[in-house]
């Protein structure tokens, strides 16, 4: 599959004084590769398992993150009943598929990966539940209250 990219008014033709637009088609695999490379390059390695090699794919990245989480909480993969994907990045099919692939490998089942239709509603509810633990300082901005 391909995606059409349209960015209007990216520049101006100096001779004709006509606006220039960027119109192109890009393959989903190219977008996936660019997103994956960017995520893997910028990952916070403190969130990864020390017992796994550095991730080379998105599935291995989620495997390492989940393994680290399980290690820290002394849990097993079978103890995880569901994974809830929320946030803008989870709308990308590659993210959704790689998380499902990770769970298929760990548990033999990817049905427990929950992807709600209205992710932004969940983000708002989660953010508002955290609000009492923060205070606003005019100089520092949002500050966590201990």
N, C-alpha and C. Protein backbone atom coordinates (compact mmCIF):
# COMPACT_ATOMS: atom_id res chain seq x y z
N UNK A 1 0.81 -1.21 0.00
CA UNK A 1 0.00 0.00 0.00
C UNK A 1 0.85 1.26 0.00
N UNK A 2 0.29 2.30 -0.54
CA UNK A 2 0.98 3.58 -0.60
C UNK A 2 0.16 4.65 0.10
N UNK A 3 0.86 5.69 0.54
CA UNK A 3 0.23 6.83 1.18
C UNK A 3 0.56 8.07 0.36
N UNK A 4 -0.43 8.91 0.17
CA UNK A 4 -0.19 10.16 -0.52
C UNK A 4 0.22 11.21 0.50
N UNK A 5 1.28 11.91 0.21
CA UNK A 5 1.74 12.98 1.07
C UNK A 5 1.54 14.30 0.34
N UNK A 6 0.84 15.22 0.99
CA UNK A 6 0.58 16.53 0.40
C UNK A 6 0.91 17.60 1.43
N UNK A 7 1.91 18.40 1.13
CA UNK A 7 2.26 19.53 2.00
C UNK A 7 2.11 20.80 1.16
N UNK A 8 1.06 21.55 1.42
CA UNK A 8 0.81 22.75 0.60
C UNK A 8 1.73 23.91 0.99
N UNK A 9 1.96 24.76 0.03
CA UNK A 9 2.68 26.02 0.23
C UNK A 9 4.05 25.82 0.88
N UNK A 10 4.82 24.89 0.34
CA UNK A 10 6.13 24.60 0.92
C UNK A 10 7.16 25.66 0.49
N UNK A 11 6.91 26.29 -0.65
CA UNK A 11 7.79 27.38 -1.11
C UNK A 11 7.05 28.20 -2.16
N UNK A 12 7.77 29.16 -2.73
CA UNK A 12 7.17 30.03 -3.74
C UNK A 12 8.10 30.07 -4.94
N UNK A 13 7.54 29.93 -6.14
CA UNK A 13 8.32 30.07 -7.36
C UNK A 13 8.58 31.56 -7.54
N UNK A 14 9.83 31.96 -7.52
CA UNK A 14 10.19 33.38 -7.57
C UNK A 14 9.85 34.04 -8.90
N UNK A 15 9.84 33.27 -9.98
CA UNK A 15 9.53 33.86 -11.28
C UNK A 15 8.02 34.02 -11.50
N UNK A 16 7.27 32.99 -11.20
CA UNK A 16 5.83 33.04 -11.46
C UNK A 16 5.02 33.54 -10.27
N UNK A 17 5.66 33.60 -9.09
CA UNK A 17 4.99 34.00 -7.85
C UNK A 17 3.86 33.02 -7.47
N UNK A 18 3.97 31.80 -7.95
CA UNK A 18 2.99 30.76 -7.65
C UNK A 18 3.49 29.93 -6.47
N UNK A 19 2.60 29.55 -5.59
CA UNK A 19 3.02 28.69 -4.48
C UNK A 19 3.39 27.30 -4.99
N UNK A 20 4.36 26.70 -4.33
CA UNK A 20 4.80 25.35 -4.67
C UNK A 20 4.32 24.38 -3.58
N UNK A 21 3.83 23.26 -4.01
CA UNK A 21 3.32 22.25 -3.09
C UNK A 21 4.13 20.98 -3.26
N UNK A 22 4.23 20.22 -2.20
CA UNK A 22 4.89 18.92 -2.27
C UNK A 22 3.79 17.86 -2.36
N UNK A 23 3.77 17.13 -3.46
CA UNK A 23 2.82 16.04 -3.67
C UNK A 23 3.61 14.81 -4.08
N UNK A 24 3.52 13.76 -3.28
CA UNK A 24 4.19 12.53 -3.66
C UNK A 24 3.50 11.33 -3.03
N UNK A 25 3.77 10.18 -3.58
CA UNK A 25 3.27 8.92 -3.04
C UNK A 25 4.46 8.20 -2.43
N UNK A 26 4.24 7.61 -1.27
CA UNK A 26 5.32 6.92 -0.60
C UNK A 26 4.78 5.57 -0.12
N UNK A 27 5.58 4.53 -0.29
CA UNK A 27 5.17 3.18 0.09
C UNK A 27 5.14 3.05 1.60
N UNK A 28 4.17 2.31 2.12
CA UNK A 28 4.06 2.07 3.56
C UNK A 28 5.35 1.47 4.11
N UNK A 29 5.99 0.59 3.35
CA UNK A 29 7.23 -0.05 3.82
C UNK A 29 8.34 0.98 4.02
N UNK A 30 8.37 2.01 3.20
CA UNK A 30 9.38 3.07 3.36
C UNK A 30 9.10 3.87 4.63
N UNK A 31 7.84 4.20 4.86
CA UNK A 31 7.47 4.92 6.08
C UNK A 31 7.81 4.08 7.30
N UNK A 32 7.46 2.79 7.27
CA UNK A 32 7.75 1.90 8.39
C UNK A 32 9.25 1.85 8.67
N UNK A 33 10.04 1.75 7.63
CA UNK A 33 11.49 1.68 7.79
C UNK A 33 12.04 2.96 8.41
N UNK A 34 11.55 4.11 7.96
CA UNK A 34 12.02 5.39 8.50
C UNK A 34 11.62 5.55 9.97
N UNK A 35 10.38 5.22 10.29
CA UNK A 35 9.91 5.33 11.67
C UNK A 35 10.68 4.37 12.57
N UNK A 36 10.83 3.15 12.13
CA UNK A 36 11.54 2.14 12.91
C UNK A 36 12.98 2.57 13.18
N UNK A 37 13.67 3.02 12.15
CA UNK A 37 15.06 3.46 12.30
C UNK A 37 15.15 4.61 13.30
N UNK A 38 14.22 5.55 13.22
CA UNK A 38 14.23 6.70 14.13
C UNK A 38 13.99 6.27 15.58
N UNK A 39 13.03 5.39 15.79
CA UNK A 39 12.74 4.91 17.15
C UNK A 39 13.92 4.14 17.71
N UNK A 40 14.46 3.22 16.94
CA UNK A 40 15.58 2.41 17.42
C UNK A 40 16.81 3.25 17.71
N UNK A 41 17.00 4.32 16.95
CA UNK A 41 18.16 5.20 17.16
C UNK A 41 18.01 6.04 18.41
N UNK A 42 16.78 6.38 18.78
CA UNK A 42 16.56 7.32 19.88
C UNK A 42 16.00 6.68 21.15
N UNK A 43 16.02 5.37 21.25
CA UNK A 43 15.45 4.70 22.41
C UNK A 43 16.30 4.94 23.66
N UNK A 44 15.63 5.10 24.78
CA UNK A 44 16.30 5.23 26.08
C UNK A 44 16.71 3.83 26.52
N UNK A 45 18.00 3.53 26.47
CA UNK A 45 18.48 2.17 26.75
C UNK A 45 18.26 1.74 28.20
N UNK A 46 17.98 2.68 29.10
CA UNK A 46 17.70 2.29 30.49
C UNK A 46 16.37 1.57 30.60
N UNK A 47 15.53 1.66 29.58
CA UNK A 47 14.23 0.99 29.58
C UNK A 47 14.30 -0.41 28.99
N UNK A 48 15.50 -0.81 28.54
CA UNK A 48 15.67 -2.11 27.90
C UNK A 48 16.24 -3.13 28.87
N UNK A 49 15.97 -4.39 28.60
CA UNK A 49 16.49 -5.47 29.44
C UNK A 49 17.99 -5.61 29.24
N UNK A 50 18.70 -5.78 30.36
CA UNK A 50 20.14 -6.00 30.30
C UNK A 50 20.45 -7.42 29.85
N UNK A 51 19.45 -8.29 29.86
CA UNK A 51 19.65 -9.70 29.55
C UNK A 51 19.34 -10.03 28.09
N UNK A 52 19.10 -9.01 27.31
CA UNK A 52 18.81 -9.22 25.89
C UNK A 52 19.77 -8.38 25.05
N UNK A 53 20.08 -8.84 23.85
CA UNK A 53 20.94 -8.04 22.97
C UNK A 53 20.23 -6.76 22.55
N UNK A 54 20.97 -5.76 22.09
CA UNK A 54 20.34 -4.52 21.61
C UNK A 54 19.33 -4.85 20.50
N UNK A 55 18.17 -4.23 20.54
CA UNK A 55 17.14 -4.55 19.55
C UNK A 55 17.52 -4.10 18.15
N UNK A 56 17.17 -4.95 17.19
CA UNK A 56 17.43 -4.63 15.78
C UNK A 56 16.14 -4.47 14.99
N UNK A 57 15.02 -4.70 15.65
CA UNK A 57 13.72 -4.53 15.00
C UNK A 57 12.73 -4.05 16.05
N UNK A 58 11.58 -3.59 15.60
CA UNK A 58 10.57 -3.10 16.53
C UNK A 58 10.06 -4.22 17.43
N UNK A 59 9.89 -5.42 16.90
CA UNK A 59 9.41 -6.52 17.73
C UNK A 59 10.40 -6.83 18.84
N UNK A 60 11.69 -6.82 18.51
CA UNK A 60 12.71 -7.07 19.53
C UNK A 60 12.79 -5.91 20.52
N UNK A 61 12.50 -4.72 20.07
CA UNK A 61 12.48 -3.57 20.98
C UNK A 61 11.39 -3.77 22.03
N UNK A 62 10.17 -4.09 21.59
CA UNK A 62 9.08 -4.30 22.55
C UNK A 62 9.36 -5.50 23.44
N UNK A 63 10.00 -6.52 22.88
CA UNK A 63 10.36 -7.69 23.68
C UNK A 63 11.31 -7.29 24.80
N UNK A 64 12.29 -6.46 24.48
CA UNK A 64 13.26 -6.02 25.47
C UNK A 64 12.62 -5.12 26.53
N UNK A 65 11.76 -4.20 26.09
CA UNK A 65 11.06 -3.31 27.03
C UNK A 65 10.16 -4.12 27.96
N UNK A 66 9.41 -5.05 27.39
CA UNK A 66 8.51 -5.86 28.21
C UNK A 66 9.30 -6.78 29.15
N UNK A 67 10.39 -7.35 28.68
CA UNK A 67 11.24 -8.19 29.53
C UNK A 67 11.77 -7.38 30.70
N UNK A 68 12.21 -6.16 30.44
CA UNK A 68 12.69 -5.28 31.52
C UNK A 68 11.58 -5.00 32.52
N UNK A 69 10.40 -4.72 32.03
CA UNK A 69 9.26 -4.45 32.90
C UNK A 69 8.92 -5.67 33.75
N UNK A 70 8.94 -6.84 33.14
CA UNK A 70 8.67 -8.07 33.87
C UNK A 70 9.74 -8.34 34.93
N UNK A 71 11.00 -8.06 34.57
CA UNK A 71 12.09 -8.27 35.53
C UNK A 71 11.95 -7.35 36.74
N UNK A 72 11.65 -6.09 36.50
CA UNK A 72 11.52 -5.10 37.57
C UNK A 72 10.35 -5.44 38.50
N UNK A 73 9.27 -5.95 37.94
CA UNK A 73 8.07 -6.23 38.73
C UNK A 73 7.99 -7.68 39.22
N UNK A 74 9.03 -8.49 38.91
CA UNK A 74 9.04 -9.91 39.28
C UNK A 74 7.79 -10.65 38.78
N UNK A 75 7.45 -10.37 37.53
CA UNK A 75 6.29 -11.02 36.93
C UNK A 75 6.75 -11.91 35.77
N UNK A 76 5.84 -12.76 35.32
CA UNK A 76 6.08 -13.61 34.16
C UNK A 76 5.17 -13.16 33.03
N UNK A 77 5.48 -13.50 31.79
CA UNK A 77 4.61 -13.09 30.68
C UNK A 77 3.15 -13.53 30.88
N UNK A 78 2.94 -14.69 31.49
CA UNK A 78 1.59 -15.19 31.71
C UNK A 78 0.81 -14.30 32.68
N UNK A 79 1.52 -13.51 33.50
CA UNK A 79 0.87 -12.64 34.48
C UNK A 79 0.25 -11.39 33.84
N UNK A 80 0.62 -11.09 32.61
CA UNK A 80 0.11 -9.90 31.93
C UNK A 80 -1.18 -10.30 31.21
N UNK A 81 -2.27 -9.70 31.65
CA UNK A 81 -3.55 -10.07 31.05
C UNK A 81 -3.85 -9.27 29.79
N UNK A 82 -3.49 -7.97 29.78
CA UNK A 82 -3.77 -7.12 28.63
C UNK A 82 -2.73 -6.02 28.51
N UNK A 83 -2.52 -5.57 27.31
CA UNK A 83 -1.70 -4.40 27.02
C UNK A 83 -2.61 -3.39 26.35
N UNK A 84 -2.65 -2.19 26.88
CA UNK A 84 -3.50 -1.14 26.35
C UNK A 84 -2.62 -0.15 25.59
N UNK A 85 -2.84 -0.01 24.30
CA UNK A 85 -2.05 0.92 23.48
C UNK A 85 -2.80 2.23 23.33
N UNK A 86 -2.21 3.31 23.84
CA UNK A 86 -2.78 4.64 23.70
C UNK A 86 -1.67 5.60 23.29
N UNK A 87 -2.04 6.73 22.74
CA UNK A 87 -1.06 7.73 22.33
C UNK A 87 -0.95 7.77 20.82
N UNK A 88 -0.44 8.87 20.33
CA UNK A 88 -0.36 9.09 18.89
C UNK A 88 0.43 8.05 18.14
N UNK A 89 1.56 7.63 18.71
CA UNK A 89 2.41 6.67 18.02
C UNK A 89 1.78 5.31 17.83
N UNK A 90 0.84 4.97 18.69
CA UNK A 90 0.22 3.65 18.60
C UNK A 90 -0.76 3.56 17.44
N UNK A 91 -1.04 4.69 16.80
CA UNK A 91 -1.92 4.66 15.62
C UNK A 91 -1.18 4.14 14.39
N UNK A 92 0.13 4.10 14.46
CA UNK A 92 0.93 3.63 13.34
C UNK A 92 0.81 2.10 13.26
N UNK A 93 0.40 1.55 12.13
CA UNK A 93 0.21 0.10 12.02
C UNK A 93 1.46 -0.71 12.39
N UNK A 94 2.64 -0.18 12.11
CA UNK A 94 3.86 -0.91 12.43
C UNK A 94 4.01 -1.10 13.94
N UNK A 95 3.65 -0.08 14.71
CA UNK A 95 3.72 -0.17 16.18
C UNK A 95 2.74 -1.24 16.66
N UNK A 96 1.53 -1.14 16.22
CA UNK A 96 0.50 -2.11 16.60
C UNK A 96 0.92 -3.53 16.25
N UNK A 97 1.40 -3.74 15.04
CA UNK A 97 1.79 -5.07 14.60
C UNK A 97 3.00 -5.61 15.36
N UNK A 98 3.97 -4.76 15.65
CA UNK A 98 5.16 -5.24 16.35
C UNK A 98 4.85 -5.58 17.80
N UNK A 99 3.95 -4.84 18.45
CA UNK A 99 3.56 -5.18 19.82
C UNK A 99 2.80 -6.51 19.81
N UNK A 100 1.92 -6.68 18.85
CA UNK A 100 1.19 -7.95 18.75
C UNK A 100 2.15 -9.11 18.48
N UNK A 101 3.12 -8.89 17.62
CA UNK A 101 4.11 -9.93 17.32
C UNK A 101 4.91 -10.30 18.57
N UNK A 102 5.25 -9.30 19.37
CA UNK A 102 5.97 -9.54 20.62
C UNK A 102 5.14 -10.42 21.55
N UNK A 103 3.87 -10.11 21.69
CA UNK A 103 3.01 -10.90 22.57
C UNK A 103 2.73 -12.29 22.01
N UNK A 104 2.68 -12.39 20.72
CA UNK A 104 2.51 -13.71 20.11
C UNK A 104 3.71 -14.58 20.47
N UNK A 105 4.90 -14.00 20.46
CA UNK A 105 6.11 -14.74 20.81
C UNK A 105 6.16 -15.09 22.29
N UNK A 106 5.84 -14.12 23.15
CA UNK A 106 5.94 -14.34 24.60
C UNK A 106 4.84 -15.23 25.16
N UNK A 107 3.62 -15.04 24.68
CA UNK A 107 2.48 -15.74 25.28
C UNK A 107 1.78 -16.70 24.33
N UNK A 108 2.16 -16.68 23.07
CA UNK A 108 1.46 -17.51 22.10
C UNK A 108 0.09 -16.96 21.74
N UNK A 109 -0.11 -15.65 22.05
CA UNK A 109 -1.42 -15.04 21.85
C UNK A 109 -1.25 -13.53 21.73
N UNK A 110 -1.88 -12.94 20.76
CA UNK A 110 -1.82 -11.48 20.64
C UNK A 110 -3.19 -10.84 20.84
N UNK A 111 -4.16 -11.64 21.27
CA UNK A 111 -5.52 -11.12 21.47
C UNK A 111 -5.62 -10.19 22.67
N UNK A 112 -4.61 -10.21 23.54
CA UNK A 112 -4.67 -9.38 24.74
C UNK A 112 -4.12 -7.97 24.51
N UNK A 113 -3.75 -7.64 23.28
CA UNK A 113 -3.31 -6.28 22.95
C UNK A 113 -4.58 -5.50 22.60
N UNK A 114 -4.92 -4.53 23.45
CA UNK A 114 -6.16 -3.77 23.31
C UNK A 114 -5.85 -2.41 22.68
N UNK A 115 -6.54 -2.12 21.59
CA UNK A 115 -6.34 -0.87 20.88
C UNK A 115 -7.69 -0.16 20.78
N UNK A 116 -7.98 0.74 21.71
CA UNK A 116 -9.28 1.41 21.70
C UNK A 116 -9.40 2.39 20.52
N UNK A 117 -10.62 2.56 20.06
CA UNK A 117 -10.88 3.49 18.96
C UNK A 117 -10.58 4.93 19.38
N UNK A 118 -11.03 5.31 20.55
CA UNK A 118 -10.86 6.69 21.02
C UNK A 118 -9.68 6.80 21.97
N UNK A 119 -8.48 6.69 21.42
CA UNK A 119 -7.27 6.74 22.24
C UNK A 119 -7.09 8.09 22.92
N UNK A 120 -7.49 9.16 22.24
CA UNK A 120 -7.29 10.50 22.81
C UNK A 120 -8.13 10.69 24.06
N UNK A 121 -9.31 10.05 24.13
CA UNK A 121 -10.13 10.13 25.33
C UNK A 121 -9.40 9.50 26.52
N UNK A 122 -8.76 8.36 26.27
CA UNK A 122 -8.03 7.68 27.34
C UNK A 122 -6.83 8.50 27.81
N UNK A 123 -6.18 9.17 26.89
CA UNK A 123 -5.04 10.01 27.25
C UNK A 123 -5.52 11.15 28.14
N UNK A 124 -6.64 11.75 27.79
CA UNK A 124 -7.19 12.86 28.59
C UNK A 124 -7.58 12.38 29.99
N UNK A 125 -8.21 11.22 30.07
CA UNK A 125 -8.60 10.68 31.38
C UNK A 125 -7.35 10.38 32.21
N UNK A 126 -6.36 9.75 31.59
CA UNK A 126 -5.12 9.44 32.31
C UNK A 126 -4.39 10.69 32.76
N UNK A 127 -4.33 11.67 31.91
CA UNK A 127 -3.66 12.93 32.26
C UNK A 127 -4.38 13.63 33.40
N UNK A 128 -5.71 13.65 33.34
CA UNK A 128 -6.45 14.34 34.40
C UNK A 128 -6.32 13.61 35.73
N UNK A 129 -6.15 12.29 35.70
CA UNK A 129 -5.98 11.55 36.96
C UNK A 129 -4.62 11.84 37.59
N UNK A 130 -3.64 12.27 36.78
CA UNK A 130 -2.31 12.59 37.29
C UNK A 130 -2.21 14.04 37.77
N UNK A 131 -3.16 14.87 37.38
CA UNK A 131 -3.11 16.29 37.69
C UNK A 131 -2.90 16.62 39.17
N UNK A 132 -3.55 15.92 40.11
CA UNK A 132 -3.33 16.25 41.53
C UNK A 132 -1.89 16.04 42.01
N UNK A 133 -1.09 15.29 41.27
CA UNK A 133 0.30 15.05 41.70
C UNK A 133 1.27 16.10 41.12
N UNK A 134 0.72 17.12 40.46
CA UNK A 134 1.56 18.17 39.87
C UNK A 134 1.11 19.54 40.35
N UNK A 135 2.05 20.47 40.34
CA UNK A 135 1.77 21.86 40.65
C UNK A 135 2.41 22.70 39.55
N UNK A 136 1.90 23.89 39.36
CA UNK A 136 2.47 24.74 38.31
C UNK A 136 3.25 25.87 38.96
N UNK A 137 4.51 26.01 38.53
CA UNK A 137 5.39 27.08 38.98
C UNK A 137 5.64 28.00 37.79
N UNK A 138 5.52 29.32 37.98
CA UNK A 138 5.65 30.27 36.87
C UNK A 138 7.02 30.18 36.20
N UNK A 139 8.04 29.81 36.93
CA UNK A 139 9.39 29.73 36.36
C UNK A 139 9.72 28.32 35.89
N UNK A 140 9.43 27.33 36.70
CA UNK A 140 9.79 25.94 36.39
C UNK A 140 8.77 25.23 35.52
N UNK A 141 7.55 25.76 35.48
CA UNK A 141 6.50 25.08 34.71
C UNK A 141 5.84 24.01 35.56
N UNK A 142 5.50 22.90 34.96
CA UNK A 142 4.84 21.80 35.66
C UNK A 142 5.85 21.07 36.53
N UNK A 143 5.56 20.96 37.84
CA UNK A 143 6.47 20.36 38.80
C UNK A 143 5.73 19.25 39.54
N UNK A 144 6.35 18.09 39.62
CA UNK A 144 5.73 16.96 40.33
C UNK A 144 5.79 17.21 41.84
N UNK A 145 4.67 17.03 42.50
CA UNK A 145 4.58 17.20 43.96
C UNK A 145 4.93 15.87 44.59
N UNK A 146 5.86 15.88 45.50
CA UNK A 146 6.28 14.63 46.17
C UNK A 146 5.35 14.29 47.29
